[in-house]
Amino acid sequence: MVRFLAGVIVTLVLVLTAWFLFSKKEEKQEIQYHSALIQQQINQVGKLIVTEGQFSQVMSYGNTRKNYFDIFSANKKALVIVNAKVTVGYDLRKIQTDIDEANRTVRITNIPPPEINIYPDLSYYDVTQDYFNKFGAEDYNKIKDTVHKMMEDKVSQSNLKDDAKERLLNELSKIYILTNSMGWTLAYEETVITNLETLQQLELK
């Protein structure tokens, strides 16, 4: 009888050990499978998204040069019409993530800042210049610098940055939906994303 009970106990222990090892193997395979799916989704999100806008501006440029003990002055001026294409984009290929399989957590550690590009098309009208004060490279560089600053101000006052951020968060929501469906946690730095509303309200650096 004692031998029989001992045999039953040994058999039970062996069965439980085998079941435990098999369950652990299945769980490990499941985690690795989930990790591969998440990495695949991150790779698919990793692309360049660009929001584009068109801006127009009219500006006047003038310069006066004094000569001969400030007795004689030479003037130059021009009317400049600016048509500029502006793009605001996020290079999501630069997003940095950390996949913690042990805790089933995906942490976004870095999101690249938006890249702003300005492509101005300048047309000059009513150009007048005196013989001793002609347009040169310095003038055109000053005009370009002024135009660039004007366009930066226009971008700041527009909704281009907000639109670009919205597109960024829409891409990140794909990662959240996948991780959430598999019981994983998504976090941005130390902020845990508990729902899509939390994601939409993220304060990006």
Protein backbone atom coordinates (compact mmCIF):
# COMPACT_ATOMS: atom_id res chain seq x y z
CA MET A 1 0.00 0.00 0.00
CA VAL A 2 2.81 2.35 0.94
CA ARG A 3 4.59 1.56 -2.31
CA PHE A 4 1.39 2.21 -4.22
CA LEU A 5 0.90 5.63 -2.58
CA ALA A 6 4.55 6.49 -3.16
CA GLY A 7 4.16 5.57 -6.80
CA VAL A 8 1.05 7.70 -7.13
CA ILE A 9 2.81 10.65 -5.48
CA VAL A 10 5.87 10.28 -7.71
CA THR A 11 3.67 10.02 -10.80
CA LEU A 12 1.69 13.09 -9.72
CA VAL A 13 4.88 15.06 -9.13
CA LEU A 14 6.21 14.08 -12.55
CA VAL A 15 2.93 15.02 -14.24
CA LEU A 16 2.77 18.39 -12.47
CA THR A 17 6.44 19.08 -13.29
CA ALA A 18 5.87 18.24 -16.93
CA TRP A 19 2.73 20.37 -17.03
CA PHE A 20 4.56 23.28 -15.37
CA LEU A 21 7.46 23.07 -17.80
CA PHE A 22 5.11 22.76 -20.77
CA SER A 23 3.05 25.76 -19.59
CA LYS A 24 6.17 27.84 -19.11
CA LYS A 25 7.34 26.90 -22.60
CA GLU A 26 3.97 27.86 -24.07
CA GLU A 27 3.96 31.14 -22.15
CA LYS A 28 7.49 31.94 -23.33
CA GLN A 29 6.54 31.17 -26.93
CA GLU A 30 3.42 33.35 -26.60
CA ILE A 31 5.45 36.27 -25.18
CA GLN A 32 8.01 35.93 -27.97
CA TYR A 33 5.20 35.81 -30.54
CA HIS A 34 3.60 38.95 -29.07
CA SER A 35 6.98 40.68 -28.96
CA ALA A 36 7.54 39.89 -32.64
CA LEU A 37 4.08 41.23 -33.56
CA ILE A 38 4.69 44.44 -31.61
CA GLN A 39 8.10 44.94 -33.22
CA GLN A 40 6.50 44.41 -36.62
CA GLN A 41 3.88 47.08 -35.85
CA ILE A 42 6.58 49.49 -34.66
CA ASN A 43 8.47 48.91 -37.91
CA GLN A 44 5.32 49.61 -39.93
CA VAL A 45 4.71 52.84 -38.00
CA GLY A 46 8.32 53.86 -38.61
CA LYS A 47 7.93 56.17 -41.58
CA LEU A 48 8.05 59.84 -42.48
CA ILE A 49 4.77 61.71 -42.04
CA VAL A 50 4.53 65.22 -43.45
CA THR A 51 1.93 67.96 -43.20
CA GLU A 52 2.19 70.62 -45.90
CA GLY A 53 1.02 74.23 -46.09
CA GLN A 54 1.23 77.15 -48.53
CA PHE A 55 1.84 80.74 -47.41
CA SER A 56 2.04 84.05 -49.28
CA GLN A 57 3.45 87.37 -48.17
CA VAL A 58 4.32 90.73 -49.71
CA MET A 59 7.25 92.62 -48.23
CA SER A 60 9.21 95.70 -49.15
CA TYR A 61 12.95 95.95 -48.83
CA GLY A 62 14.90 99.19 -48.76
CA ASN A 63 18.40 100.36 -47.99
CA THR A 64 20.04 103.78 -47.92
CA ARG A 65 23.79 104.31 -48.03
CA LYS A 66 25.39 107.60 -47.05
CA ASN A 67 28.42 108.78 -49.00
CA TYR A 68 30.80 111.73 -48.95
CA PHE A 69 30.47 112.79 -45.32
CA ASP A 70 26.74 111.95 -45.28
CA ILE A 71 26.04 114.65 -47.86
CA PHE A 72 25.03 112.30 -50.62
CA SER A 73 22.77 109.26 -50.17
CA ALA A 74 22.22 106.32 -52.50
CA ASN A 75 19.04 104.27 -52.27
CA LYS A 76 17.80 100.89 -53.35
CA LYS A 77 14.48 99.21 -52.81
CA ALA A 78 12.33 96.38 -54.07
CA LEU A 79 8.91 94.87 -53.60
CA VAL A 80 9.17 91.15 -52.86
CA ILE A 81 6.29 88.70 -53.30
CA VAL A 82 6.81 85.49 -51.37
CA ASN A 83 5.08 82.20 -52.09
CA ALA A 84 6.37 79.50 -49.78
CA LYS A 85 5.70 75.82 -49.29
CA VAL A 86 6.18 74.77 -45.69
CA THR A 87 6.31 71.21 -44.39
CA VAL A 88 6.12 69.99 -40.81
CA GLY A 89 7.05 66.36 -40.39
CA TYR A 90 7.97 63.62 -37.95
CA ASP A 91 10.53 61.02 -38.91
CA LEU A 92 9.03 58.07 -37.05
CA ARG A 93 11.96 55.92 -38.09
CA LYS A 94 13.83 57.70 -35.29
CA ILE A 95 11.37 56.65 -32.58
CA GLN A 96 13.15 54.70 -29.84
CA THR A 97 11.34 51.92 -27.98
CA ASP A 98 12.16 49.36 -25.33
CA ILE A 99 10.24 46.07 -25.30
CA ASP A 100 10.24 44.55 -21.80
CA GLU A 101 9.08 40.97 -22.31
CA ALA A 102 9.28 40.08 -18.61
CA ASN A 103 6.79 42.79 -17.65
CA ARG A 104 4.94 42.79 -20.98
CA THR A 105 5.56 46.49 -21.44
CA VAL A 106 6.47 48.56 -24.48
CA ARG A 107 8.08 51.84 -23.51
CA ILE A 108 8.55 54.65 -26.02
CA THR A 109 11.74 56.30 -24.81
CA ASN A 110 12.14 58.99 -27.45
CA ILE A 111 9.99 60.68 -30.10
CA PRO A 112 11.91 62.93 -32.53
CA PRO A 113 10.94 66.62 -32.59
CA PRO A 114 9.05 67.93 -35.62
CA GLU A 115 11.15 68.93 -38.60
CA ILE A 116 10.11 72.23 -40.21
CA ASN A 117 11.22 72.92 -43.77
CA ILE A 118 10.55 76.15 -45.66
CA TYR A 119 10.83 76.40 -49.46
CA PRO A 120 10.33 80.04 -50.47
CA ASP A 121 9.76 81.24 -54.03
CA LEU A 122 10.66 84.93 -54.28
CA SER A 123 9.63 87.33 -57.02
CA TYR A 124 11.09 90.86 -57.17
CA TYR A 125 9.12 93.86 -58.48
CA ASP A 126 9.67 97.61 -58.65
CA VAL A 127 13.39 97.19 -58.17
CA THR A 128 15.20 100.54 -58.08
CA GLN A 129 18.84 101.11 -57.22
CA ASP A 130 21.26 103.99 -57.41
CA TYR A 131 24.62 103.62 -59.06
CA PHE A 132 26.49 103.78 -55.74
CA ASN A 133 24.15 101.40 -53.94
CA LYS A 134 23.33 98.40 -56.10
CA PHE A 135 21.73 95.13 -55.04
CA GLY A 136 24.26 92.50 -54.10
CA ALA A 137 24.54 89.08 -52.45
CA GLU A 138 24.31 90.62 -48.97
CA ASP A 139 20.93 92.17 -49.78
CA TYR A 140 19.51 88.94 -51.14
CA ASN A 141 20.73 87.03 -48.09
CA LYS A 142 19.08 89.58 -45.79
CA ILE A 143 15.83 89.21 -47.71
CA LYS A 144 15.98 85.40 -47.49
CA ASP A 145 16.67 85.55 -43.75
CA THR A 146 13.75 87.93 -43.26
CA VAL A 147 11.45 85.73 -45.32
CA HIS A 148 12.48 82.65 -43.36
CA LYS A 149 11.70 84.38 -40.07
CA MET A 150 8.33 85.57 -41.43
CA MET A 151 7.43 82.04 -42.51
CA GLU A 152 8.44 80.61 -39.13
CA ASP A 153 6.07 83.08 -37.48
CA LYS A 154 3.29 82.09 -39.86
CA VAL A 155 3.83 78.40 -39.07
CA SER A 156 3.65 79.15 -35.34
CA GLN A 157 0.34 80.95 -35.86
CA SER A 158 -1.10 78.22 -38.08
CA ASN A 159 -2.40 74.75 -37.23
CA LEU A 160 0.33 72.91 -39.17
CA LYS A 161 2.16 71.73 -36.04
CA ASP A 162 -1.10 70.57 -34.44
CA ASP A 163 -2.04 68.68 -37.60
CA ALA A 164 1.38 67.01 -37.73
CA LYS A 165 1.14 66.02 -34.05
CA GLU A 166 -2.34 64.58 -34.61
CA ARG A 167 -1.03 62.41 -37.44
CA LEU A 168 1.86 61.32 -35.20
CA LEU A 169 -0.50 60.28 -32.40
CA ASN A 170 -2.73 58.44 -34.86
CA GLU A 171 0.27 56.33 -35.84
CA LEU A 172 1.17 55.68 -32.20
CA SER A 173 -2.42 54.64 -31.50
CA LYS A 174 -1.84 51.61 -33.75
CA ILE A 175 0.84 50.43 -31.32
CA TYR A 176 -1.46 51.04 -28.36
CA ILE A 177 -4.37 49.12 -29.91
CA LEU A 178 -2.13 46.11 -30.60
CA THR A 179 -0.44 46.05 -27.18
CA ASN A 180 -3.74 46.56 -25.37
CA SER A 181 -5.41 43.72 -27.29
CA MET A 182 -2.65 41.35 -26.14
CA GLY A 183 -2.70 42.46 -22.51
CA TRP A 184 0.54 44.41 -22.76
CA THR A 185 1.18 47.92 -21.43
CA LEU A 186 2.27 50.89 -23.54
CA ALA A 187 4.12 53.79 -21.93
CA TYR A 188 5.74 57.00 -23.10
CA GLU A 189 8.73 57.54 -20.83
CA GLU A 190 7.13 57.35 -17.36
CA THR A 191 3.54 57.94 -18.51
CA VAL A 192 1.45 54.77 -18.81
CA ILE A 193 -1.02 54.93 -21.69
CA THR A 194 -4.29 53.64 -20.24
CA ASN A 195 -6.58 54.65 -23.12
CA LEU A 196 -6.60 56.53 -26.41
CA GLU A 197 -7.57 59.76 -24.64
CA THR A 198 -4.38 59.57 -22.56
CA LEU A 199 -2.40 59.09 -25.76
CA GLN A 200 -4.02 62.09 -27.45
CA GLN A 201 -3.18 64.30 -24.47
CA LEU A 202 0.52 63.44 -24.34
CA GLU A 203 2.87 66.37 -23.88
CA LEU A 204 5.68 65.69 -26.33
CA LYS A 205 9.11 67.17 -25.81
